[in-house]
């Protein structure tokens, strides 16, 4: 099975309500809430592409785009 490599985090800031669920579930603490209580990928280089943020977001506001190595 090929390892996934992060391409980008696609965050729809209009849909994000700042609940912090994605931040809580991120095992590598990649995500944070900014001063507007919207999610941002503060440390994308640490992302392991587990997609827990994408799976847990109740508003479908985050997508983890990957490529195979």
PDB file of N, CA and C in Angstrom:
ATOM      1  N   UNK A   1       0.845  -1.190   0.000  1.00  0.00           N
ATOM      2  CA  UNK A   1       0.000   0.000   0.000  1.00  0.00           C
ATOM      3  C   UNK A   1       0.883   1.243   0.000  1.00  0.00           C
ATOM      4  N   UNK A   2       0.614   2.142  -0.903  1.00  0.00           N
ATOM      5  CA  UNK A   2       1.415   3.360  -1.021  1.00  0.00           C
ATOM      6  C   UNK A   2       1.115   4.324   0.118  1.00  0.00           C
ATOM      7  N   UNK A   3       2.158   4.993   0.550  1.00  0.00           N
ATOM      8  CA  UNK A   3       2.008   6.000   1.601  1.00  0.00           C
ATOM      9  C   UNK A   3       1.435   7.276   0.990  1.00  0.00           C
ATOM     10  N   UNK A   4       0.516   7.900   1.713  1.00  0.00           N
ATOM     11  CA  UNK A   4      -0.078   9.146   1.236  1.00  0.00           C
ATOM     12  C   UNK A   4       0.776  10.335   1.653  1.00  0.00           C
ATOM     13  N   UNK A   5       0.866  11.298   0.767  1.00  0.00           N
ATOM     14  CA  UNK A   5       1.616  12.532   1.035  1.00  0.00           C
ATOM     15  C   UNK A   5       0.653  13.702   0.884  1.00  0.00           C
ATOM     16  N   UNK A   6       0.724  14.620   1.809  1.00  0.00           N
ATOM     17  CA  UNK A   6      -0.168  15.778   1.784  1.00  0.00           C
ATOM     18  C   UNK A   6       0.093  16.652   0.572  1.00  0.00           C
ATOM     19  N   UNK A   7      -0.988  16.994  -0.107  1.00  0.00           N
ATOM     20  CA  UNK A   7      -0.922  17.989  -1.187  1.00  0.00           C
ATOM     21  C   UNK A   7      -1.334  19.332  -0.586  1.00  0.00           C
ATOM     22  N   UNK A   8      -2.516  19.366   0.040  1.00  0.00           N
ATOM     23  CA  UNK A   8      -2.996  20.599   0.681  1.00  0.00           C
ATOM     24  C   UNK A   8      -4.210  20.307   1.560  1.00  0.00           C
ATOM     25  N   UNK A   9      -4.495  21.231   2.455  1.00  0.00           N
ATOM     26  CA  UNK A   9      -5.748  21.231   3.212  1.00  0.00           C
ATOM     27  C   UNK A   9      -6.668  22.243   2.535  1.00  0.00           C
ATOM     28  N   UNK A  10      -7.858  21.815   2.167  1.00  0.00           N
ATOM     29  CA  UNK A  10      -8.839  22.728   1.593  1.00  0.00           C
ATOM     30  C   UNK A  10      -9.854  23.017   2.692  1.00  0.00           C
ATOM     31  N   UNK A  11      -9.888  24.256   3.132  1.00  0.00           N
ATOM     32  CA  UNK A  11     -10.771  24.654   4.234  1.00  0.00           C
ATOM     33  C   UNK A  11     -11.767  25.684   3.727  1.00  0.00           C
ATOM     34  N   UNK A  12     -13.041  25.352   3.837  1.00  0.00           N
ATOM     35  CA  UNK A  12     -14.095  26.284   3.446  1.00  0.00           C
ATOM     36  C   UNK A  12     -14.437  27.116   4.683  1.00  0.00           C
ATOM     37  N   UNK A  13     -13.874  28.299   4.757  1.00  0.00           N
ATOM     38  CA  UNK A  13     -14.039  29.145   5.946  1.00  0.00           C
ATOM     39  C   UNK A  13     -15.467  29.659   6.101  1.00  0.00           C
ATOM     40  N   UNK A  14     -16.240  29.665   5.014  1.00  0.00           N
ATOM     41  CA  UNK A  14     -17.642  30.065   5.115  1.00  0.00           C
ATOM     42  C   UNK A  14     -18.467  28.990   5.815  1.00  0.00           C
ATOM     43  N   UNK A  15     -18.083  27.738   5.657  1.00  0.00           N
ATOM     44  CA  UNK A  15     -18.819  26.636   6.277  1.00  0.00           C
ATOM     45  C   UNK A  15     -18.342  26.350   7.701  1.00  0.00           C
ATOM     46  N   UNK A  16     -17.088  26.678   8.009  1.00  0.00           N
ATOM     47  CA  UNK A  16     -16.520  26.399   9.336  1.00  0.00           C
ATOM     48  C   UNK A  16     -17.210  27.266  10.383  1.00  0.00           C
ATOM     49  N   UNK A  17     -17.717  26.605  11.434  1.00  0.00           N
ATOM     50  CA  UNK A  17     -18.363  27.358  12.512  1.00  0.00           C
ATOM     51  C   UNK A  17     -17.475  27.463  13.746  1.00  0.00           C
ATOM     52  N   UNK A  18     -16.249  26.949  13.654  1.00  0.00           N
ATOM     53  CA  UNK A  18     -15.300  27.092  14.749  1.00  0.00           C
ATOM     54  C   UNK A  18     -15.568  26.199  15.936  1.00  0.00           C
ATOM     55  N   UNK A  19     -16.135  25.030  15.702  1.00  0.00           N
ATOM     56  CA  UNK A  19     -16.466  24.131  16.822  1.00  0.00           C
ATOM     57  C   UNK A  19     -15.228  23.489  17.434  1.00  0.00           C
ATOM     58  N   UNK A  20     -14.149  23.364  16.650  1.00  0.00           N
ATOM     59  CA  UNK A  20     -12.894  22.820  17.160  1.00  0.00           C
ATOM     60  C   UNK A  20     -12.808  21.302  17.173  1.00  0.00           C
ATOM     61  N   UNK A  21     -13.785  20.612  16.621  1.00  0.00           N
ATOM     62  CA  UNK A  21     -13.756  19.147  16.604  1.00  0.00           C
ATOM     63  C   UNK A  21     -12.537  18.650  15.831  1.00  0.00           C
ATOM     64  N   UNK A  22     -12.268  19.246  14.677  1.00  0.00           N
ATOM     65  CA  UNK A  22     -11.117  18.829  13.864  1.00  0.00           C
ATOM     66  C   UNK A  22      -9.809  19.060  14.615  1.00  0.00           C
ATOM     67  N   UNK A  23      -9.721  20.169  15.326  1.00  0.00           N
ATOM     68  CA  UNK A  23      -8.525  20.493  16.112  1.00  0.00           C
ATOM     69  C   UNK A  23      -8.320  19.443  17.197  1.00  0.00           C
ATOM     70  N   UNK A  24      -9.401  19.057  17.848  1.00  0.00           N
ATOM     71  CA  UNK A  24      -9.338  18.075  18.929  1.00  0.00           C
ATOM     72  C   UNK A  24      -8.882  16.705  18.435  1.00  0.00           C
ATOM     73  N   UNK A  25      -9.355  16.275  17.271  1.00  0.00           N
ATOM     74  CA  UNK A  25      -9.052  14.936  16.778  1.00  0.00           C
ATOM     75  C   UNK A  25      -7.714  14.819  16.055  1.00  0.00           C
ATOM     76  N   UNK A  26      -7.099  15.931  15.679  1.00  0.00           N
ATOM     77  CA  UNK A  26      -5.830  15.876  14.942  1.00  0.00           C
ATOM     78  C   UNK A  26      -4.717  15.322  15.839  1.00  0.00           C
ATOM     79  N   UNK A  27      -4.154  14.153  15.482  1.00  0.00           N
ATOM     80  CA  UNK A  27      -3.140  13.538  16.344  1.00  0.00           C
ATOM     81  C   UNK A  27      -1.807  14.282  16.355  1.00  0.00           C
ATOM     82  N   UNK A  28      -1.546  15.098  15.351  1.00  0.00           N
ATOM     83  CA  UNK A  28      -0.267  15.812  15.253  1.00  0.00           C
ATOM     84  C   UNK A  28      -0.394  17.310  15.524  1.00  0.00           C
ATOM     85  N   UNK A  29      -1.571  17.749  15.949  1.00  0.00           N
ATOM     86  CA  UNK A  29      -1.799  19.163  16.284  1.00  0.00           C
ATOM     87  C   UNK A  29      -1.488  20.094  15.114  1.00  0.00           C
ATOM     88  N   UNK A  30      -1.896  19.675  13.921  1.00  0.00           N
ATOM     89  CA  UNK A  30      -1.677  20.461  12.704  1.00  0.00           C
ATOM     90  C   UNK A  30      -2.623  21.644  12.651  1.00  0.00           C
ATOM     91  N   UNK A  31      -3.838  21.448  13.137  1.00  0.00           N
ATOM     92  CA  UNK A  31      -4.890  22.460  13.010  1.00  0.00           C
ATOM     93  C   UNK A  31      -5.029  23.315  14.264  1.00  0.00           C
ATOM     94  N   UNK A  32      -5.413  24.572  14.052  1.00  0.00           N
ATOM     95  CA  UNK A  32      -5.694  25.509  15.146  1.00  0.00           C
ATOM     96  C   UNK A  32      -6.867  26.384  14.744  1.00  0.00           C
ATOM     97  N   UNK A  33      -7.488  26.991  15.734  1.00  0.00           N
ATOM     98  CA  UNK A  33      -8.501  28.004  15.454  1.00  0.00           C
ATOM     99  C   UNK A  33      -7.813  29.362  15.476  1.00  0.00           C
ATOM    100  N   UNK A  34      -8.105  30.202  14.487  1.00  0.00           N
ATOM    101  CA  UNK A  34      -7.488  31.525  14.423  1.00  0.00           C
ATOM    102  C   UNK A  34      -8.271  32.533  15.255  1.00  0.00           C
ATOM    103  N   UNK A  35      -7.925  33.804  15.126  1.00  0.00           N
ATOM    104  CA  UNK A  35      -8.571  34.858  15.920  1.00  0.00           C
ATOM    105  C   UNK A  35     -10.051  35.023  15.585  1.00  0.00           C
ATOM    106  N   UNK A  36     -10.481  34.501  14.433  1.00  0.00           N
ATOM    107  CA  UNK A  36     -11.898  34.555  14.046  1.00  0.00           C
ATOM    108  C   UNK A  36     -12.630  33.251  14.353  1.00  0.00           C
ATOM    109  N   UNK A  37     -11.989  32.373  15.128  1.00  0.00           N
ATOM    110  CA  UNK A  37     -12.533  31.046  15.440  1.00  0.00           C
ATOM    111  C   UNK A  37     -12.853  30.245  14.187  1.00  0.00           C
ATOM    112  N   UNK A  38     -11.957  30.303  13.234  1.00  0.00           N
ATOM    113  CA  UNK A  38     -12.027  29.488  12.024  1.00  0.00           C
ATOM    114  C   UNK A  38     -10.771  28.628  11.980  1.00  0.00           C
ATOM    115  N   UNK A  39     -10.903  27.408  11.485  1.00  0.00           N
ATOM    116  CA  UNK A  39      -9.770  26.492  11.465  1.00  0.00           C
ATOM    117  C   UNK A  39      -8.744  26.892  10.406  1.00  0.00           C
ATOM    118  N   UNK A  40      -7.471  26.722  10.756  1.00  0.00           N
ATOM    119  CA  UNK A  40      -6.355  26.926   9.831  1.00  0.00           C
ATOM    120  C   UNK A  40      -5.363  25.775  10.022  1.00  0.00           C
ATOM    121  N   UNK A  41      -4.665  25.435   8.957  1.00  0.00           N
ATOM    122  CA  UNK A  41      -3.607  24.425   9.037  1.00  0.00           C
ATOM    123  C   UNK A  41      -2.325  25.150   9.441  1.00  0.00           C
ATOM    124  N   UNK A  42      -2.064  25.192  10.737  1.00  0.00           N
ATOM    125  CA  UNK A  42      -0.933  25.951  11.265  1.00  0.00           C
ATOM    126  C   UNK A  42       0.402  25.239  11.028  1.00  0.00           C
ATOM    127  N   UNK A  43       0.391  23.900  10.995  1.00  0.00           N
ATOM    128  CA  UNK A  43       1.613  23.126  10.804  1.00  0.00           C
ATOM    129  C   UNK A  43       1.390  22.012   9.768  1.00  0.00           C
ATOM    130  N   UNK A  44       1.132  22.366   8.506  1.00  0.00           N
ATOM    131  CA  UNK A  44       0.826  21.354   7.495  1.00  0.00           C
ATOM    132  C   UNK A  44       1.960  20.344   7.279  1.00  0.00           C
ATOM    133  N   UNK A  45       3.189  20.737   7.540  1.00  0.00           N
ATOM    134  CA  UNK A  45       4.323  19.833   7.366  1.00  0.00           C
ATOM    135  C   UNK A  45       4.276  18.649   8.325  1.00  0.00           C
ATOM    136  N   UNK A  46       3.498  18.755   9.412  1.00  0.00           N
ATOM    137  CA  UNK A  46       3.380  17.677  10.389  1.00  0.00           C
ATOM    138  C   UNK A  46       2.224  16.725  10.091  1.00  0.00           C
ATOM    139  N   UNK A  47       1.421  17.021   9.079  1.00  0.00           N
ATOM    140  CA  UNK A  47       0.231  16.229   8.767  1.00  0.00           C
ATOM    141  C   UNK A  47       0.606  14.820   8.317  1.00  0.00           C
ATOM    142  N   UNK A  48      -0.063  13.803   8.877  1.00  0.00           N
ATOM    143  CA  UNK A  48       0.168  12.405   8.504  1.00  0.00           C
ATOM    144  C   UNK A  48      -0.952  11.872   7.606  1.00  0.00           C
ATOM    145  N   UNK A  49      -1.830  12.746   7.163  1.00  0.00           N
ATOM    146  CA  UNK A  49      -2.912  12.411   6.214  1.00  0.00           C
ATOM    147  C   UNK A  49      -3.850  11.331   6.741  1.00  0.00           C
ATOM    148  N   UNK A  50      -4.138  11.362   8.026  1.00  0.00           N
ATOM    149  CA  UNK A  50      -5.072  10.389   8.603  1.00  0.00           C
ATOM    150  C   UNK A  50      -6.520  10.728   8.248  1.00  0.00           C
ATOM    151  N   UNK A  51      -6.763  11.980   7.910  1.00  0.00           N
ATOM    152  CA  UNK A  51      -8.070  12.498   7.498  1.00  0.00           C
ATOM    153  C   UNK A  51      -9.126  12.461   8.609  1.00  0.00           C
ATOM    154  N   UNK A  52      -8.693  12.375   9.868  1.00  0.00           N
ATOM    155  CA  UNK A  52      -9.657  12.423  10.965  1.00  0.00           C
ATOM    156  C   UNK A  52     -10.391  13.750  11.008  1.00  0.00           C
ATOM    157  N   UNK A  53      -9.707  14.829  10.658  1.00  0.00           N
ATOM    158  CA  UNK A  53     -10.353  16.144  10.640  1.00  0.00           C
ATOM    159  C   UNK A  53     -11.486  16.158   9.618  1.00  0.00           C
ATOM    160  N   UNK A  54     -11.198  15.614   8.456  1.00  0.00           N
ATOM    161  CA  UNK A  54     -12.189  15.567   7.384  1.00  0.00           C
ATOM    162  C   UNK A  54     -13.380  14.683   7.770  1.00  0.00           C
ATOM    163  N   UNK A  55     -13.099  13.560   8.373  1.00  0.00           N
ATOM    164  CA  UNK A  55     -14.151  12.615   8.758  1.00  0.00           C
ATOM    165  C   UNK A  55     -15.024  13.127   9.894  1.00  0.00           C
ATOM    166  N   UNK A  56     -14.436  13.898  10.795  1.00  0.00           N
ATOM    167  CA  UNK A  56     -15.164  14.349  11.994  1.00  0.00           C
ATOM    168  C   UNK A  56     -15.859  15.699  11.847  1.00  0.00           C
ATOM    169  N   UNK A  57     -15.509  16.472  10.844  1.00  0.00           N
ATOM    170  CA  UNK A  57     -16.104  17.801  10.686  1.00  0.00           C
ATOM    171  C   UNK A  57     -17.597  17.681  10.390  1.00  0.00           C
ATOM    172  N   UNK A  58     -18.447  18.214  11.273  1.00  0.00           N
ATOM    173  CA  UNK A  58     -19.895  18.092  11.065  1.00  0.00           C
ATOM    174  C   UNK A  58     -20.413  18.966   9.924  1.00  0.00           C
ATOM    175  N   UNK A  59     -19.610  19.932   9.486  1.00  0.00           N
ATOM    176  CA  UNK A  59     -20.040  20.852   8.436  1.00  0.00           C
ATOM    177  C   UNK A  59     -19.356  20.605   7.098  1.00  0.00           C
ATOM    178  N   UNK A  60     -18.554  19.530   7.014  1.00  0.00           N
ATOM    179  CA  UNK A  60     -17.832  19.187   5.782  1.00  0.00           C
ATOM    180  C   UNK A  60     -16.987  20.347   5.274  1.00  0.00           C
ATOM    181  N   UNK A  61     -16.389  21.077   6.207  1.00  0.00           N
ATOM    182  CA  UNK A  61     -15.656  22.293   5.860  1.00  0.00           C
ATOM    183  C   UNK A  61     -14.177  22.065   5.582  1.00  0.00           C
ATOM    184  N   UNK A  62     -13.683  20.840   5.776  1.00  0.00           N
ATOM    185  CA  UNK A  62     -12.257  20.587   5.566  1.00  0.00           C
ATOM    186  C   UNK A  62     -12.070  19.334   4.720  1.00  0.00           C
ATOM    187  N   UNK A  63     -11.106  19.434   3.812  1.00  0.00           N
ATOM    188  CA  UNK A  63     -10.751  18.297   2.955  1.00  0.00           C
ATOM    189  C   UNK A  63      -9.233  18.192   2.929  1.00  0.00           C
ATOM    190  N   UNK A  64      -8.731  16.986   3.092  1.00  0.00           N
ATOM    191  CA  UNK A  64      -7.300  16.736   3.021  1.00  0.00           C
ATOM    192  C   UNK A  64      -7.018  16.131   1.651  1.00  0.00           C
ATOM    193  N   UNK A  65      -6.330  16.894   0.807  1.00  0.00           N
ATOM    194  CA  UNK A  65      -5.978  16.393  -0.524  1.00  0.00           C
ATOM    195  C   UNK A  65      -4.602  15.779  -0.463  1.00  0.00           C
ATOM    196  N   UNK A  66      -4.494  14.560  -1.011  1.00  0.00           N
ATOM    197  CA  UNK A  66      -3.245  13.812  -0.939  1.00  0.00           C
ATOM    198  C   UNK A  66      -2.797  13.348  -2.310  1.00  0.00           C
ATOM    199  N   UNK A  67      -1.559  12.917  -2.354  1.00  0.00           N
ATOM    200  CA  UNK A  67      -1.006  12.261  -3.541  1.00  0.00           C
ATOM    201  C   UNK A  67      -0.229  11.050  -3.044  1.00  0.00           C
ATOM    202  N   UNK A  68      -0.099  10.038  -3.873  1.00  0.00           N
ATOM    203  CA  UNK A  68       0.648   8.848  -3.470  1.00  0.00           C
ATOM    204  C   UNK A  68       2.128   9.048  -3.731  1.00  0.00           C
ATOM    205  N   UNK A  69       2.929   8.554  -2.781  1.00  0.00           N
ATOM    206  CA  UNK A  69       4.383   8.642  -2.936  1.00  0.00           C
ATOM    207  C   UNK A  69       4.880   7.498  -3.781  1.00  0.00           C
TER     208      UNK A  69
END
